[in-house]
């Protein structure tokens, strides 16, 4: 594997490690994130118990979805990087990355615009940028032509 292939692998891996970190943080929650409280203008203790159950379920399913996306990303990396792949495989993988990683940025931006809550937009943009870097490095590696 040449330097560009290694840089591609590292970039993609870091992107999915960030998603994995978010998934673990959300799966371990017993209340909402601080920016959620700012968005709704209430502390967790002020939210009705039945609403707490629903919100916590949504937080947990978000964490589980991110876990599934991160694991799928790692599995696809494993399939894509050991040998020489076709360019179309790299394109499909990059499309998967953009489809998997971009919605969090859109949602965080929407919530911030509507509520002024300090949502983690930068933390969501970073994996997208890393995946684009990974794609660029993979193309430069010459392995997918």
N, C-alpha and C. Protein backbone atom coordinates (compact mmCIF):
# COMPACT_ATOMS: atom_id res chain seq x y z
N UNK A 1 0.86 -1.17 0.00
CA UNK A 1 0.00 0.00 0.00
C UNK A 1 0.90 1.24 0.00
N UNK A 2 0.65 2.15 -0.93
CA UNK A 2 1.47 3.36 -0.98
C UNK A 2 0.97 4.40 0.03
N UNK A 3 1.69 5.52 0.12
CA UNK A 3 1.37 6.54 1.12
C UNK A 3 -0.06 7.07 0.96
N UNK A 4 -0.49 7.34 -0.28
CA UNK A 4 -1.83 7.87 -0.49
C UNK A 4 -2.90 6.86 -0.07
N UNK A 5 -2.66 5.59 -0.31
CA UNK A 5 -3.62 4.56 0.12
C UNK A 5 -3.70 4.52 1.64
N UNK A 6 -2.56 4.62 2.32
CA UNK A 6 -2.57 4.66 3.78
C UNK A 6 -3.30 5.89 4.31
N UNK A 7 -3.04 7.05 3.69
CA UNK A 7 -3.73 8.27 4.11
C UNK A 7 -5.23 8.15 3.89
N UNK A 8 -5.63 7.51 2.81
CA UNK A 8 -7.06 7.29 2.56
C UNK A 8 -7.66 6.41 3.65
N UNK A 9 -6.98 5.32 3.95
CA UNK A 9 -7.47 4.40 4.98
C UNK A 9 -7.57 5.09 6.34
N UNK A 10 -6.56 5.88 6.69
CA UNK A 10 -6.57 6.60 7.97
C UNK A 10 -7.69 7.64 7.99
N UNK A 11 -7.87 8.38 6.90
CA UNK A 11 -8.92 9.41 6.86
C UNK A 11 -10.31 8.79 7.02
N UNK A 12 -10.58 7.75 6.27
CA UNK A 12 -11.87 7.07 6.38
C UNK A 12 -12.05 6.47 7.78
N UNK A 13 -11.00 5.87 8.31
CA UNK A 13 -11.09 5.26 9.65
C UNK A 13 -11.38 6.29 10.72
N UNK A 14 -10.71 7.44 10.64
CA UNK A 14 -10.97 8.51 11.61
C UNK A 14 -12.41 9.01 11.52
N UNK A 15 -12.92 9.12 10.30
CA UNK A 15 -14.32 9.55 10.13
C UNK A 15 -15.26 8.60 10.86
N UNK A 16 -15.05 7.30 10.68
CA UNK A 16 -15.94 6.33 11.32
C UNK A 16 -15.67 6.19 12.82
N UNK A 17 -14.45 6.48 13.26
CA UNK A 17 -14.18 6.50 14.71
C UNK A 17 -14.94 7.63 15.39
N UNK A 18 -15.04 8.78 14.73
CA UNK A 18 -15.81 9.90 15.29
C UNK A 18 -17.29 9.50 15.39
N UNK A 19 -17.81 8.87 14.36
CA UNK A 19 -19.21 8.41 14.40
C UNK A 19 -19.39 7.39 15.52
N UNK A 20 -18.42 6.49 15.67
CA UNK A 20 -18.47 5.50 16.74
C UNK A 20 -18.48 6.17 18.11
N UNK A 21 -17.67 7.21 18.29
CA UNK A 21 -17.64 7.94 19.56
C UNK A 21 -19.00 8.59 19.85
N UNK A 22 -19.61 9.20 18.84
CA UNK A 22 -20.94 9.77 19.02
C UNK A 22 -21.95 8.69 19.38
N UNK A 23 -21.85 7.54 18.72
CA UNK A 23 -22.82 6.47 19.00
C UNK A 23 -22.70 6.00 20.44
N UNK A 24 -21.49 5.83 20.92
CA UNK A 24 -21.29 5.39 22.31
C UNK A 24 -21.82 6.45 23.27
N UNK A 25 -21.52 7.72 22.99
CA UNK A 25 -22.00 8.79 23.86
C UNK A 25 -23.53 8.79 23.94
N UNK A 26 -24.19 8.60 22.81
CA UNK A 26 -25.65 8.61 22.81
C UNK A 26 -26.23 7.35 23.45
N UNK A 27 -25.61 6.21 23.21
CA UNK A 27 -26.12 4.96 23.79
C UNK A 27 -25.98 4.93 25.31
N UNK A 28 -25.01 5.65 25.86
CA UNK A 28 -24.78 5.66 27.31
C UNK A 28 -25.60 6.72 28.04
N UNK A 29 -26.34 7.54 27.32
CA UNK A 29 -27.07 8.65 27.95
C UNK A 29 -28.21 8.14 28.83
N UNK A 30 -28.41 8.83 29.95
CA UNK A 30 -29.57 8.58 30.80
C UNK A 30 -30.47 9.83 30.82
N UNK A 31 -30.05 10.85 30.11
CA UNK A 31 -30.85 12.06 29.90
C UNK A 31 -30.38 12.67 28.58
N UNK A 32 -30.95 13.82 28.21
CA UNK A 32 -30.52 14.37 26.93
C UNK A 32 -29.21 15.14 27.05
N UNK A 33 -28.64 15.46 25.91
CA UNK A 33 -27.38 16.19 25.86
C UNK A 33 -27.63 17.63 26.30
N UNK A 34 -26.62 18.32 26.80
CA UNK A 34 -26.81 19.71 27.24
C UNK A 34 -27.43 20.61 26.17
N UNK A 35 -27.02 20.45 24.92
CA UNK A 35 -27.59 21.31 23.87
C UNK A 35 -29.06 20.98 23.60
N UNK A 36 -29.49 19.76 23.91
CA UNK A 36 -30.92 19.43 23.78
C UNK A 36 -31.73 20.27 24.76
N UNK A 37 -31.22 20.37 26.00
CA UNK A 37 -31.91 21.18 27.01
C UNK A 37 -32.01 22.64 26.60
N UNK A 38 -30.93 23.16 26.02
CA UNK A 38 -30.96 24.54 25.55
C UNK A 38 -31.96 24.69 24.42
N UNK A 39 -32.01 23.70 23.53
CA UNK A 39 -32.93 23.75 22.39
C UNK A 39 -34.38 23.81 22.82
N UNK A 40 -34.74 23.05 23.86
CA UNK A 40 -36.14 23.05 24.30
C UNK A 40 -36.40 24.01 25.46
N UNK A 41 -35.34 24.61 25.99
CA UNK A 41 -35.51 25.59 27.06
C UNK A 41 -35.89 24.99 28.40
N UNK A 42 -35.49 23.73 28.63
CA UNK A 42 -35.79 23.06 29.90
C UNK A 42 -34.64 22.16 30.31
N UNK A 43 -34.53 21.99 31.62
CA UNK A 43 -33.62 20.97 32.14
C UNK A 43 -34.33 19.62 32.05
N UNK A 44 -33.55 18.56 32.08
CA UNK A 44 -34.11 17.20 32.00
C UNK A 44 -35.15 16.97 33.09
N UNK A 45 -34.88 17.45 34.28
CA UNK A 45 -35.80 17.24 35.41
C UNK A 45 -37.13 17.96 35.23
N UNK A 46 -37.18 18.93 34.33
CA UNK A 46 -38.41 19.67 34.08
C UNK A 46 -39.27 19.03 32.97
N UNK A 47 -38.74 18.02 32.33
CA UNK A 47 -39.48 17.35 31.25
C UNK A 47 -40.36 16.26 31.86
N UNK A 48 -41.62 16.18 31.41
CA UNK A 48 -42.56 15.18 31.91
C UNK A 48 -41.98 13.77 31.73
N UNK A 49 -42.16 12.89 32.73
CA UNK A 49 -41.57 11.55 32.67
C UNK A 49 -41.88 10.76 31.39
N UNK A 50 -43.12 10.83 30.91
CA UNK A 50 -43.45 10.09 29.68
C UNK A 50 -42.71 10.67 28.48
N UNK A 51 -42.54 11.97 28.47
CA UNK A 51 -41.77 12.61 27.40
C UNK A 51 -40.30 12.24 27.52
N UNK A 52 -39.81 12.11 28.76
CA UNK A 52 -38.42 11.67 28.96
C UNK A 52 -38.19 10.29 28.34
N UNK A 53 -39.15 9.40 28.52
CA UNK A 53 -39.03 8.05 27.96
C UNK A 53 -38.92 8.13 26.43
N UNK A 54 -39.78 8.92 25.82
CA UNK A 54 -39.76 9.06 24.37
C UNK A 54 -38.46 9.69 23.89
N UNK A 55 -38.03 10.77 24.53
CA UNK A 55 -36.79 11.44 24.13
C UNK A 55 -35.58 10.52 24.29
N UNK A 56 -35.54 9.80 25.40
CA UNK A 56 -34.41 8.89 25.63
C UNK A 56 -34.42 7.75 24.60
N UNK A 57 -35.60 7.28 24.23
CA UNK A 57 -35.69 6.24 23.20
C UNK A 57 -35.15 6.77 21.86
N UNK A 58 -35.48 8.00 21.52
CA UNK A 58 -34.99 8.60 20.28
C UNK A 58 -33.47 8.79 20.32
N UNK A 59 -32.95 9.19 21.47
CA UNK A 59 -31.50 9.34 21.64
C UNK A 59 -30.81 7.99 21.47
N UNK A 60 -31.37 6.96 22.09
CA UNK A 60 -30.77 5.62 22.01
C UNK A 60 -30.83 5.06 20.59
N UNK A 61 -31.94 5.25 19.89
CA UNK A 61 -32.04 4.72 18.52
C UNK A 61 -31.09 5.49 17.60
N UNK A 62 -30.88 6.76 17.87
CA UNK A 62 -29.89 7.52 17.10
C UNK A 62 -28.49 6.95 17.33
N UNK A 63 -28.17 6.67 18.59
CA UNK A 63 -26.88 6.06 18.91
C UNK A 63 -26.72 4.70 18.25
N UNK A 64 -27.77 3.91 18.25
CA UNK A 64 -27.71 2.58 17.62
C UNK A 64 -27.54 2.70 16.11
N UNK A 65 -28.22 3.66 15.51
CA UNK A 65 -28.08 3.87 14.06
C UNK A 65 -26.65 4.30 13.72
N UNK A 66 -26.09 5.20 14.52
CA UNK A 66 -24.70 5.61 14.28
C UNK A 66 -23.73 4.45 14.47
N UNK A 67 -24.02 3.59 15.45
CA UNK A 67 -23.17 2.41 15.65
C UNK A 67 -23.22 1.52 14.41
N UNK A 68 -24.42 1.30 13.89
CA UNK A 68 -24.57 0.47 12.69
C UNK A 68 -23.84 1.09 11.50
N UNK A 69 -23.95 2.40 11.35
CA UNK A 69 -23.26 3.08 10.24
C UNK A 69 -21.75 2.99 10.39
N UNK A 70 -21.25 3.19 11.60
CA UNK A 70 -19.80 3.11 11.83
C UNK A 70 -19.29 1.71 11.55
N UNK A 71 -19.99 0.70 12.04
CA UNK A 71 -19.56 -0.68 11.80
C UNK A 71 -19.64 -1.03 10.31
N UNK A 72 -20.70 -0.61 9.65
CA UNK A 72 -20.81 -0.85 8.20
C UNK A 72 -19.66 -0.16 7.47
N UNK A 73 -19.33 1.05 7.89
CA UNK A 73 -18.21 1.75 7.27
C UNK A 73 -16.90 1.01 7.43
N UNK A 74 -16.65 0.50 8.64
CA UNK A 74 -15.42 -0.27 8.88
C UNK A 74 -15.41 -1.56 8.06
N UNK A 75 -16.54 -2.26 7.99
CA UNK A 75 -16.61 -3.49 7.20
C UNK A 75 -16.37 -3.21 5.72
N UNK A 76 -16.96 -2.14 5.22
CA UNK A 76 -16.76 -1.79 3.81
C UNK A 76 -15.31 -1.39 3.54
N UNK A 77 -14.70 -0.69 4.49
CA UNK A 77 -13.27 -0.37 4.35
C UNK A 77 -12.44 -1.64 4.26
N UNK A 78 -12.77 -2.60 5.09
CA UNK A 78 -12.07 -3.88 5.09
C UNK A 78 -12.17 -4.56 3.72
N UNK A 79 -13.34 -4.46 3.11
CA UNK A 79 -13.54 -5.08 1.79
C UNK A 79 -12.87 -4.28 0.67
N UNK A 80 -12.80 -2.97 0.83
CA UNK A 80 -12.33 -2.10 -0.24
C UNK A 80 -10.82 -1.97 -0.30
N UNK A 81 -10.15 -1.95 0.84
CA UNK A 81 -8.74 -1.56 0.85
C UNK A 81 -7.68 -2.65 0.75
N UNK A 82 -7.94 -3.91 1.03
CA UNK A 82 -6.84 -4.87 0.95
C UNK A 82 -6.26 -5.06 -0.45
N UNK A 83 -7.08 -5.01 -1.47
CA UNK A 83 -6.59 -5.24 -2.83
C UNK A 83 -6.90 -4.06 -3.72
N UNK A 84 -6.62 -4.24 -4.98
CA UNK A 84 -6.96 -3.21 -5.95
C UNK A 84 -8.44 -3.33 -6.28
N UNK A 85 -9.15 -2.24 -6.10
CA UNK A 85 -10.57 -2.23 -6.37
C UNK A 85 -10.87 -1.48 -7.65
N UNK A 86 -12.09 -1.55 -8.05
CA UNK A 86 -12.55 -0.80 -9.20
C UNK A 86 -12.94 0.60 -8.75
N UNK A 87 -12.82 1.56 -9.67
CA UNK A 87 -13.16 2.94 -9.34
C UNK A 87 -14.63 3.05 -8.93
N UNK A 88 -15.49 2.26 -9.58
CA UNK A 88 -16.92 2.31 -9.25
C UNK A 88 -17.15 1.87 -7.80
N UNK A 89 -16.36 0.94 -7.29
CA UNK A 89 -16.48 0.52 -5.89
C UNK A 89 -16.14 1.68 -4.95
N UNK A 90 -15.11 2.41 -5.30
CA UNK A 90 -14.71 3.57 -4.50
C UNK A 90 -15.81 4.64 -4.53
N UNK A 91 -16.39 4.87 -5.69
CA UNK A 91 -17.48 5.85 -5.82
C UNK A 91 -18.67 5.43 -4.95
N UNK A 92 -19.05 4.17 -5.02
CA UNK A 92 -20.18 3.67 -4.23
C UNK A 92 -19.88 3.81 -2.74
N UNK A 93 -18.66 3.50 -2.34
CA UNK A 93 -18.28 3.64 -0.93
C UNK A 93 -18.36 5.11 -0.51
N UNK A 94 -17.88 6.02 -1.35
CA UNK A 94 -17.93 7.44 -1.00
C UNK A 94 -19.37 7.92 -0.92
N UNK A 95 -20.23 7.44 -1.82
CA UNK A 95 -21.65 7.79 -1.73
C UNK A 95 -22.25 7.30 -0.41
N UNK A 96 -21.89 6.07 -0.02
CA UNK A 96 -22.34 5.56 1.28
C UNK A 96 -21.89 6.51 2.39
N UNK A 97 -20.63 6.93 2.35
CA UNK A 97 -20.11 7.83 3.38
C UNK A 97 -20.91 9.12 3.44
N UNK A 98 -21.15 9.73 2.29
CA UNK A 98 -21.88 11.00 2.28
C UNK A 98 -23.32 10.82 2.74
N UNK A 99 -23.97 9.73 2.32
CA UNK A 99 -25.35 9.46 2.75
C UNK A 99 -25.40 9.18 4.25
N UNK A 100 -24.39 8.49 4.78
CA UNK A 100 -24.37 8.13 6.19
C UNK A 100 -23.98 9.30 7.08
N UNK A 101 -23.08 10.16 6.61
CA UNK A 101 -22.50 11.18 7.48
C UNK A 101 -23.17 12.55 7.38
N UNK A 102 -23.76 12.87 6.26
CA UNK A 102 -24.29 14.22 6.06
C UNK A 102 -25.57 14.56 6.83
N UNK A 103 -26.50 13.63 7.04
CA UNK A 103 -27.73 14.01 7.74
C UNK A 103 -27.52 14.62 9.12
N UNK A 104 -26.54 14.15 9.86
CA UNK A 104 -26.29 14.71 11.19
C UNK A 104 -25.94 16.19 11.10
N UNK A 105 -25.22 16.57 10.06
CA UNK A 105 -24.85 17.98 9.87
C UNK A 105 -26.11 18.80 9.57
N UNK A 106 -26.96 18.28 8.70
CA UNK A 106 -28.19 18.98 8.36
C UNK A 106 -29.10 19.16 9.56
N UNK A 107 -29.26 18.13 10.36
CA UNK A 107 -30.12 18.20 11.54
C UNK A 107 -29.55 19.17 12.57
N UNK A 108 -28.25 19.07 12.82
CA UNK A 108 -27.61 19.97 13.80
C UNK A 108 -27.72 21.42 13.36
N UNK A 109 -27.56 21.67 12.07
CA UNK A 109 -27.69 23.03 11.54
C UNK A 109 -29.12 23.54 11.68
N UNK A 110 -30.08 22.69 11.37
CA UNK A 110 -31.49 23.06 11.49
C UNK A 110 -31.85 23.42 12.94
N UNK A 111 -31.45 22.57 13.88
CA UNK A 111 -31.77 22.82 15.29
C UNK A 111 -31.09 24.11 15.76
N UNK A 112 -29.85 24.33 15.35
CA UNK A 112 -29.15 25.55 15.76
C UNK A 112 -29.85 26.79 15.22
N UNK A 113 -30.27 26.76 13.95
CA UNK A 113 -30.95 27.91 13.35
C UNK A 113 -32.28 28.20 14.05
N UNK A 114 -33.01 27.15 14.41
CA UNK A 114 -34.34 27.33 15.00
C UNK A 114 -34.29 27.67 16.49
N UNK A 115 -33.23 27.25 17.21
CA UNK A 115 -33.23 27.39 18.67
C UNK A 115 -32.02 28.12 19.24
N UNK A 116 -31.01 28.36 18.44
CA UNK A 116 -29.73 28.93 18.90
C UNK A 116 -28.99 28.02 19.87
N UNK A 117 -29.35 26.76 19.93
CA UNK A 117 -28.63 25.80 20.78
C UNK A 117 -27.28 25.50 20.14
N UNK A 118 -26.24 25.32 20.95
CA UNK A 118 -24.90 25.06 20.42
C UNK A 118 -24.72 23.61 19.97
N UNK A 119 -25.41 23.24 18.92
CA UNK A 119 -25.35 21.87 18.42
C UNK A 119 -23.95 21.57 17.85
N UNK A 120 -23.56 20.30 17.82
CA UNK A 120 -22.20 19.93 17.39
C UNK A 120 -22.03 19.89 15.87
N UNK A 121 -22.19 21.04 15.22
CA UNK A 121 -22.08 21.08 13.76
C UNK A 121 -20.65 20.74 13.32
N UNK A 122 -19.66 21.36 13.96
CA UNK A 122 -18.26 21.10 13.56
C UNK A 122 -17.90 19.63 13.72
N UNK A 123 -18.37 19.03 14.80
CA UNK A 123 -18.08 17.61 15.02
C UNK A 123 -18.76 16.73 13.98
N UNK A 124 -19.85 17.21 13.42
CA UNK A 124 -20.53 16.47 12.36
C UNK A 124 -19.91 16.70 11.00
N UNK A 125 -19.37 17.90 10.79
CA UNK A 125 -18.73 18.21 9.51
C UNK A 125 -17.40 17.48 9.37
N UNK A 126 -16.69 17.29 10.47
CA UNK A 126 -15.37 16.68 10.42
C UNK A 126 -15.36 15.30 9.75
N UNK A 127 -16.27 14.37 10.10
CA UNK A 127 -16.27 13.09 9.39
C UNK A 127 -16.55 13.22 7.89
N UNK A 128 -17.39 14.18 7.51
CA UNK A 128 -17.67 14.40 6.09
C UNK A 128 -16.39 14.83 5.38
N UNK A 129 -15.68 15.79 5.98
CA UNK A 129 -14.42 16.26 5.41
C UNK A 129 -13.40 15.13 5.35
N UNK A 130 -13.31 14.35 6.41
CA UNK A 130 -12.37 13.22 6.42
C UNK A 130 -12.70 12.21 5.33
N UNK A 131 -13.98 11.97 5.09
CA UNK A 131 -14.34 11.02 4.03
C UNK A 131 -13.97 11.58 2.66
N UNK A 132 -14.15 12.88 2.46
CA UNK A 132 -13.76 13.49 1.19
C UNK A 132 -12.25 13.46 1.01
N UNK A 133 -11.52 13.67 2.10
CA UNK A 133 -10.06 13.53 2.05
C UNK A 133 -9.68 12.09 1.72
N UNK A 134 -10.35 11.14 2.37
CA UNK A 134 -10.09 9.73 2.10
C UNK A 134 -10.31 9.40 0.63
N UNK A 135 -11.39 9.92 0.08
CA UNK A 135 -11.67 9.68 -1.34
C UNK A 135 -10.57 10.27 -2.22
N UNK A 136 -10.17 11.49 -1.92
CA UNK A 136 -9.11 12.15 -2.69
C UNK A 136 -7.82 11.36 -2.62
N UNK A 137 -7.44 10.95 -1.41
CA UNK A 137 -6.21 10.16 -1.25
C UNK A 137 -6.31 8.82 -1.98
N UNK A 138 -7.49 8.20 -1.92
CA UNK A 138 -7.67 6.91 -2.60
C UNK A 138 -7.49 7.07 -4.11
N UNK A 139 -8.05 8.13 -4.67
CA UNK A 139 -7.88 8.38 -6.11
C UNK A 139 -6.41 8.62 -6.42
N UNK A 140 -5.75 9.44 -5.59
CA UNK A 140 -4.32 9.74 -5.81
C UNK A 140 -3.44 8.50 -5.66
N UNK A 141 -3.92 7.51 -4.93
CA UNK A 141 -3.12 6.30 -4.73
C UNK A 141 -2.94 5.50 -6.03
N UNK A 142 -3.82 5.75 -7.00
CA UNK A 142 -3.73 5.05 -8.27
C UNK A 142 -4.24 3.62 -8.23
N UNK A 143 -4.81 3.20 -7.13
CA UNK A 143 -5.28 1.82 -6.98
C UNK A 143 -6.68 1.60 -7.56
N UNK A 144 -7.37 2.65 -7.89
CA UNK A 144 -8.78 2.53 -8.30
C UNK A 144 -9.02 3.04 -9.72
N UNK A 145 -8.06 2.85 -10.59
CA UNK A 145 -8.21 3.33 -11.97
C UNK A 145 -8.45 2.19 -12.92
